[in-house]
Amino acid sequence: MTGREVAFFTLCLVLMGAGWGATQPMTKIAVSTGYGHFGLLFWQMVIGAAIMAPICAIRRTSLPMNMRALRLYAILAMIGAVIPNTISYQAAVHLPAGVMSLLLSLIPMFAFVIALGIGNENFRWRRIIGLGFGLVGVLMIIAPSVDLGQEISVGWAAIYLVTALFYAFEGNYIAKWGTEGLDPFQVMLGASLVGGIVVTPMMLASGHYIAPALPMPLPQLALLGACVIHVFVYAAYVWLAGRAGAVFAVQVSYMVTGFGLIWAWVMLGEGYSATIWLALGAMFVGMYLVQPRPKLAPLTVIGES
């Protein structure tokens, strides 16, 4: 890449990180008035499908409905949205948005561990050391005796790590078994539709339905904003991975984490002690050391809402 291209692509990384980083405090706002997690997840699926459908129409790409495609949609809907985001919406009630962003920086590290287990990667000391730095960062957050400047629910922080684990598994699933020749927009549309079908009965049975209101209250605007931002930033991520390479694009993880803390401060007034910045530094070192090979850079399909 030329110097001008590097500068342009770096600017894209910054803008993508700023967008994705804003979705965590927006999620916090969305759950602030007691909206149920299944209702929030239902509308996430509806909004995602509503945005992806016209994009696929403009691109003149139909949505395959054969058994292999339906299996792909179902698997990615469950591991990329239904399960992790059910956890995420509940954890957002109990955790500061900045801490949620910080914990999601473990996705590349979890992805490496899973890649070792399923044969996508080989053992490398450099990455093992990176995992060690990530573990140090987590312990600095969840250790009860550590003052982070915010009240942290250790139990919910541990539960929220499961979200990062599912996103990491999603990336490895795509890296190992592919997407049946479908582009990311087709996959997102199919997974959103299947996810909506799965979540709808849960939403109705739990009484979590959220009736849209006009003018939209702040929590509904926050949910809408988070969903729209994710769809367009993800599209930009796919474009950047194709133009600048997946290893370059996956560095957006740094930006998402950093901007997540900044947006939590701007939107929610969250403040932290120096310890949280030390944890952030340890996780950044860990992310750098476990950066994947180009073909293994994880592409989260629906998650990180």
Protein backbone atom coordinates (compact mmCIF):
# COMPACT_ATOMS: atom_id res chain seq x y z
CA MET A 1 0.00 0.00 0.00
CA THR A 2 1.13 3.55 -0.66
CA GLY A 3 1.44 6.05 2.17
CA ARG A 4 -1.77 7.74 1.05
CA GLU A 5 -3.64 4.42 1.04
CA VAL A 6 -2.34 3.55 4.50
CA ALA A 7 -3.52 6.93 5.80
CA PHE A 8 -6.95 6.51 4.17
CA PHE A 9 -7.45 2.96 5.41
CA THR A 10 -6.30 3.97 8.89
CA LEU A 11 -8.92 6.73 8.87
CA CYS A 12 -11.49 4.11 7.91
CA LEU A 13 -10.39 2.00 10.89
CA VAL A 14 -10.84 4.97 13.21
CA LEU A 15 -14.32 5.78 11.88
CA MET A 16 -15.39 2.12 12.06
CA GLY A 17 -14.08 1.83 15.61
CA ALA A 18 -15.89 5.02 16.61
CA GLY A 19 -19.14 3.62 15.21
CA TRP A 20 -18.90 0.14 16.67
CA GLY A 21 -17.61 1.51 19.97
CA ALA A 22 -20.79 3.60 20.33
CA THR A 23 -23.04 0.52 20.23
CA GLN A 24 -22.18 -0.60 23.77
CA PRO A 25 -23.35 2.60 25.53
CA MET A 26 -26.36 2.62 23.19
CA THR A 27 -27.18 -0.89 24.37
CA LYS A 28 -26.88 0.34 27.94
CA ILE A 29 -29.39 3.11 27.17
CA ALA A 30 -31.72 0.62 25.44
CA VAL A 31 -32.00 -1.54 28.57
CA SER A 32 -32.27 1.42 30.93
CA THR A 33 -36.09 1.45 31.14
CA GLY A 34 -36.61 -2.26 31.71
CA TYR A 35 -37.15 -3.46 28.13
CA GLY A 36 -36.92 -7.27 28.07
CA HIS A 37 -33.98 -8.87 26.30
CA PHE A 38 -36.13 -10.95 23.93
CA GLY A 39 -37.99 -7.83 22.80
CA LEU A 40 -34.73 -6.01 22.13
CA LEU A 41 -33.35 -9.01 20.26
CA PHE A 42 -36.53 -9.32 18.18
CA TRP A 43 -36.25 -5.74 16.97
CA GLN A 44 -32.53 -6.20 16.34
CA MET A 45 -33.39 -9.03 13.94
CA VAL A 46 -36.18 -7.04 12.29
CA ILE A 47 -34.02 -3.95 11.78
CA GLY A 48 -31.12 -6.01 10.46
CA ALA A 49 -33.35 -7.78 7.93
CA ALA A 50 -35.04 -4.52 6.92
CA ILE A 51 -31.67 -2.98 6.09
CA MET A 52 -30.12 -6.05 4.45
CA ALA A 53 -33.11 -6.88 2.20
CA PRO A 54 -32.91 -3.71 0.05
CA ILE A 55 -29.11 -3.93 -0.04
CA CYS A 56 -29.35 -7.47 -1.44
CA ALA A 57 -32.03 -6.27 -3.89
CA ILE A 58 -29.80 -3.44 -5.10
CA ARG A 59 -26.91 -5.88 -5.49
CA ARG A 60 -29.28 -8.27 -7.30
CA THR A 61 -28.37 -11.17 -5.03
CA SER A 62 -31.16 -13.54 -4.12
CA LEU A 63 -31.38 -15.37 -0.81
CA PRO A 64 -30.76 -19.14 -1.21
CA MET A 65 -33.18 -21.29 0.78
CA ASN A 66 -31.67 -24.75 0.29
CA MET A 67 -30.89 -26.97 3.29
CA ARG A 68 -27.17 -26.08 3.41
CA ALA A 69 -27.94 -22.36 3.37
CA LEU A 70 -30.69 -22.71 5.98
CA ARG A 71 -28.30 -24.63 8.24
CA LEU A 72 -25.73 -21.84 7.89
CA TYR A 73 -28.32 -19.17 8.73
CA ALA A 74 -29.50 -21.11 11.77
CA ILE A 75 -26.02 -21.78 13.16
CA LEU A 76 -24.82 -18.21 12.71
CA ALA A 77 -28.08 -16.76 14.03
CA MET A 78 -27.72 -18.79 17.23
CA ILE A 79 -23.97 -18.36 17.89
CA GLY A 80 -23.73 -14.83 16.49
CA ALA A 81 -26.89 -13.23 17.86
CA VAL A 82 -29.57 -15.15 19.75
CA ILE A 83 -27.38 -16.66 22.48
CA PRO A 84 -24.67 -13.99 22.92
CA ASN A 85 -27.00 -11.03 22.61
CA THR A 86 -29.52 -12.52 25.03
CA ILE A 87 -26.64 -12.55 27.51
CA SER A 88 -25.42 -9.11 26.41
CA TYR A 89 -28.76 -7.35 26.91
CA GLN A 90 -29.12 -8.82 30.39
CA ALA A 91 -25.51 -8.05 31.36
CA ALA A 92 -25.92 -4.46 30.18
CA VAL A 93 -28.32 -3.87 33.06
CA HIS A 94 -25.58 -4.68 35.57
CA LEU A 95 -22.29 -3.66 33.92
CA PRO A 96 -20.87 -0.27 32.87
CA ALA A 97 -20.77 0.11 29.08
CA GLY A 98 -17.04 0.81 29.12
CA VAL A 99 -16.30 -2.45 30.91
CA MET A 100 -18.43 -4.31 28.37
CA SER A 101 -16.38 -2.82 25.53
CA LEU A 102 -13.18 -3.73 27.32
CA LEU A 103 -14.21 -7.35 27.85
CA LEU A 104 -15.15 -7.74 24.17
CA SER A 105 -11.50 -7.07 23.29
CA LEU A 106 -10.91 -10.70 24.29
CA ILE A 107 -12.62 -11.93 21.10
CA PRO A 108 -9.33 -12.30 19.13
CA MET A 109 -7.74 -14.13 22.07
CA PHE A 110 -10.65 -16.53 22.49
CA ALA A 111 -10.62 -17.00 18.72
CA PHE A 112 -7.02 -18.21 18.85
CA VAL A 113 -7.75 -20.73 21.62
CA ILE A 114 -10.72 -22.12 19.66
CA ALA A 115 -8.63 -22.20 16.46
CA LEU A 116 -6.08 -24.37 18.25
CA GLY A 117 -8.82 -26.74 19.37
CA ILE A 118 -10.37 -27.25 15.92
CA GLY A 119 -7.11 -27.29 13.97
CA ASN A 120 -7.33 -23.84 12.38
CA GLU A 121 -4.07 -22.76 14.03
CA ASN A 122 -0.77 -24.16 15.30
CA PHE A 123 0.76 -23.61 18.73
CA ARG A 124 2.83 -20.41 18.88
CA TRP A 125 4.52 -19.04 21.97
CA ARG A 126 4.01 -15.45 20.82
CA ARG A 127 0.25 -15.89 20.93
CA ILE A 128 0.32 -17.81 24.20
CA ILE A 129 2.11 -14.82 25.73
CA GLY A 130 -0.62 -12.62 24.24
CA LEU A 131 -3.26 -14.74 25.97
CA GLY A 132 -1.37 -14.17 29.20
CA PHE A 133 -1.60 -10.41 28.79
CA GLY A 134 -5.31 -10.71 28.07
CA LEU A 135 -5.81 -12.79 31.22
CA VAL A 136 -3.97 -10.16 33.27
CA GLY A 137 -6.31 -7.51 31.87
CA VAL A 138 -9.39 -9.55 32.78
CA LEU A 139 -8.15 -10.22 36.30
CA MET A 140 -7.55 -6.50 36.78
CA ILE A 141 -11.23 -5.93 35.96
CA ILE A 142 -12.94 -8.72 37.86
CA ALA A 143 -10.73 -8.98 40.96
CA PRO A 144 -13.01 -7.87 43.84
CA SER A 145 -10.20 -5.98 45.59
CA VAL A 146 -9.42 -3.75 42.58
CA ASP A 147 -10.88 -0.24 42.48
CA LEU A 148 -11.96 0.63 38.93
CA GLY A 149 -13.82 3.82 39.78
CA GLN A 150 -17.12 2.07 38.94
CA GLU A 151 -19.11 -0.61 40.72
CA ILE A 152 -18.49 -3.85 38.85
CA SER A 153 -20.60 -6.99 39.23
CA VAL A 154 -17.95 -9.72 39.10
CA GLY A 155 -20.56 -12.39 38.40
CA TRP A 156 -22.05 -10.55 35.44
CA ALA A 157 -18.59 -9.68 34.11
CA ALA A 158 -17.76 -13.39 34.08
CA ILE A 159 -21.08 -14.21 32.40
CA TYR A 160 -20.53 -11.49 29.81
CA LEU A 161 -17.26 -13.14 28.79
CA VAL A 162 -19.42 -15.90 27.31
CA THR A 163 -20.57 -13.34 24.73
CA ALA A 164 -16.99 -12.83 23.54
CA LEU A 165 -16.55 -16.61 23.46
CA PHE A 166 -19.53 -17.05 21.12
CA TYR A 167 -18.35 -14.28 18.79
CA ALA A 168 -14.92 -15.92 18.67
CA PHE A 169 -16.47 -19.29 17.84
CA GLU A 170 -18.51 -17.67 15.09
CA GLY A 171 -15.39 -16.33 13.40
CA ASN A 172 -13.70 -19.71 13.56
CA TYR A 173 -16.79 -21.45 12.20
CA ILE A 174 -16.74 -19.19 9.15
CA ALA A 175 -12.97 -19.61 8.74
CA LYS A 176 -13.17 -23.42 8.82
CA TRP A 177 -16.47 -24.19 7.09
CA GLY A 178 -17.12 -21.05 5.05
CA THR A 179 -20.43 -19.45 4.10
CA GLU A 180 -21.61 -21.77 1.30
CA GLY A 181 -20.42 -19.25 -1.30
CA LEU A 182 -22.75 -16.51 0.00
CA ASP A 183 -21.63 -12.92 0.47
CA PRO A 184 -21.83 -11.27 3.93
CA PHE A 185 -25.02 -9.38 3.09
CA GLN A 186 -26.86 -12.57 2.11
CA VAL A 187 -25.61 -14.28 5.26
CA MET A 188 -26.69 -11.37 7.46
CA LEU A 189 -30.15 -11.27 5.86
CA GLY A 190 -30.67 -15.02 6.17
CA ALA A 191 -29.39 -15.17 9.75
CA SER A 192 -31.53 -12.16 10.73
CA LEU A 193 -34.65 -13.80 9.31
CA VAL A 194 -33.97 -17.13 11.00
CA GLY A 195 -33.03 -15.36 14.24
CA GLY A 196 -36.31 -13.47 14.12
CA ILE A 197 -38.27 -16.71 13.70
CA VAL A 198 -36.46 -18.25 16.68
CA VAL A 199 -36.85 -15.22 18.95
CA THR A 200 -40.49 -14.32 18.18
CA PRO A 201 -42.13 -17.11 20.22
CA MET A 202 -39.71 -16.44 23.10
CA MET A 203 -40.62 -12.77 23.01
CA LEU A 204 -44.36 -13.47 22.99
CA ALA A 205 -44.17 -16.11 25.73
CA SER A 206 -42.10 -13.83 27.98
CA GLY A 207 -44.23 -10.74 27.37
CA HIS A 208 -41.15 -8.80 26.21
CA TYR A 209 -42.75 -7.26 23.11
CA ILE A 210 -41.78 -3.60 22.69
CA ALA A 211 -44.38 -1.49 20.92
CA PRO A 212 -42.78 1.20 18.73
CA ALA A 213 -43.79 4.71 19.73
CA LEU A 214 -43.75 8.02 17.88
CA PRO A 215 -41.90 10.12 18.67
CA MET A 216 -39.51 7.35 19.62
CA PRO A 217 -38.30 7.43 23.23
CA LEU A 218 -34.56 7.49 23.86
CA PRO A 219 -34.17 3.73 24.56
CA GLN A 220 -35.84 2.86 21.25
CA LEU A 221 -33.72 5.41 19.40
CA ALA A 222 -30.62 3.91 21.03
CA LEU A 223 -31.56 0.40 19.89
CA LEU A 224 -32.31 1.61 16.37
CA GLY A 225 -29.05 3.54 16.24
CA ALA A 226 -26.98 0.60 17.48
CA CYS A 227 -28.50 -1.76 14.90
CA VAL A 228 -28.08 0.66 11.98
CA ILE A 229 -24.50 1.49 12.97
CA HIS A 230 -23.58 -2.18 13.21
CA VAL A 231 -24.96 -3.04 9.77
CA PHE A 232 -23.16 -0.24 7.96
CA VAL A 233 -19.90 -0.53 9.88
CA TYR A 234 -19.88 -4.27 9.27
CA ALA A 235 -20.32 -3.63 5.55
CA ALA A 236 -17.37 -1.22 5.73
CA TYR A 237 -15.37 -3.88 7.58
CA VAL A 238 -15.97 -6.41 4.80
CA TRP A 239 -14.95 -3.80 2.20
CA LEU A 240 -11.79 -2.91 4.13
CA ALA A 241 -10.80 -6.54 4.59
CA GLY A 242 -11.04 -6.99 0.82
CA ARG A 243 -9.05 -3.86 0.02
CA ALA A 244 -6.43 -3.72 2.78
CA GLY A 245 -6.32 -7.32 4.00
CA ALA A 246 -7.98 -9.08 6.92
CA VAL A 247 -5.04 -8.67 9.31
CA PHE A 248 -5.13 -4.91 8.80
CA ALA A 249 -8.93 -4.78 9.14
CA VAL A 250 -9.08 -6.86 12.33
CA GLN A 251 -7.13 -4.11 14.09
CA VAL A 252 -10.48 -2.36 14.38
CA SER A 253 -10.72 -4.29 17.67
CA TYR A 254 -8.35 -1.75 19.21
CA MET A 255 -10.49 1.14 18.04
CA VAL A 256 -13.75 -0.44 19.19
CA THR A 257 -12.40 -0.96 22.69
CA GLY A 258 -10.86 2.49 23.02
CA PHE A 259 -13.85 4.32 21.58
CA GLY A 260 -16.19 2.20 23.69
CA LEU A 261 -14.61 3.65 26.82
CA ILE A 262 -14.68 7.18 25.37
CA TRP A 263 -18.34 6.96 24.29
CA ALA A 264 -19.30 5.52 27.68
CA TRP A 265 -17.77 8.60 29.26
CA VAL A 266 -19.45 11.01 26.79
CA MET A 267 -22.92 9.41 26.67
CA LEU A 268 -23.24 7.99 30.15
CA GLY A 269 -20.76 9.96 32.22
CA GLU A 270 -18.86 6.83 33.20
CA GLY A 271 -15.51 7.50 34.83
CA TYR A 272 -12.75 5.07 35.71
CA SER A 273 -9.66 4.87 37.88
CA ALA A 274 -6.16 4.44 36.45
CA THR A 275 -6.50 0.66 36.84
CA ILE A 276 -8.96 0.39 33.95
CA TRP A 277 -6.45 2.06 31.62
CA LEU A 278 -3.74 -0.36 32.76
CA ALA A 279 -6.13 -3.23 31.98
CA LEU A 280 -6.80 -1.67 28.58
CA GLY A 281 -3.06 -1.51 27.90
CA ALA A 282 -2.60 -5.17 28.86
CA MET A 283 -5.44 -6.21 26.55
CA PHE A 284 -4.04 -4.14 23.67
CA VAL A 285 -0.72 -5.92 24.04
CA GLY A 286 -2.58 -9.23 24.11
CA MET A 287 -4.58 -8.38 20.97
CA TYR A 288 -1.40 -7.39 19.15
CA LEU A 289 0.36 -10.64 19.99
CA VAL A 290 -2.54 -12.89 18.96
CA GLN A 291 -3.38 -11.16 15.66
CA PRO A 292 -4.59 -13.87 13.29
CA ARG A 293 -3.24 -14.88 9.93
CA PRO A 294 -5.13 -13.23 7.04
CA LYS A 295 -7.46 -16.16 6.38
CA LEU A 296 -8.39 -16.46 10.06
CA ALA A 297 -9.32 -12.86 10.81
CA PRO A 298 -12.79 -13.25 12.38
CA LEU A 299 -15.78 -11.64 10.71
CA THR A 300 -18.58 -11.27 13.21
CA VAL A 301 -21.81 -11.61 11.26
CA ILE A 302 -24.51 -10.22 13.51
CA GLY A 303 -22.98 -9.74 16.88
CA GLU A 304 -21.37 -6.73 18.69
CA SER A 305 -24.62 -4.94 18.83
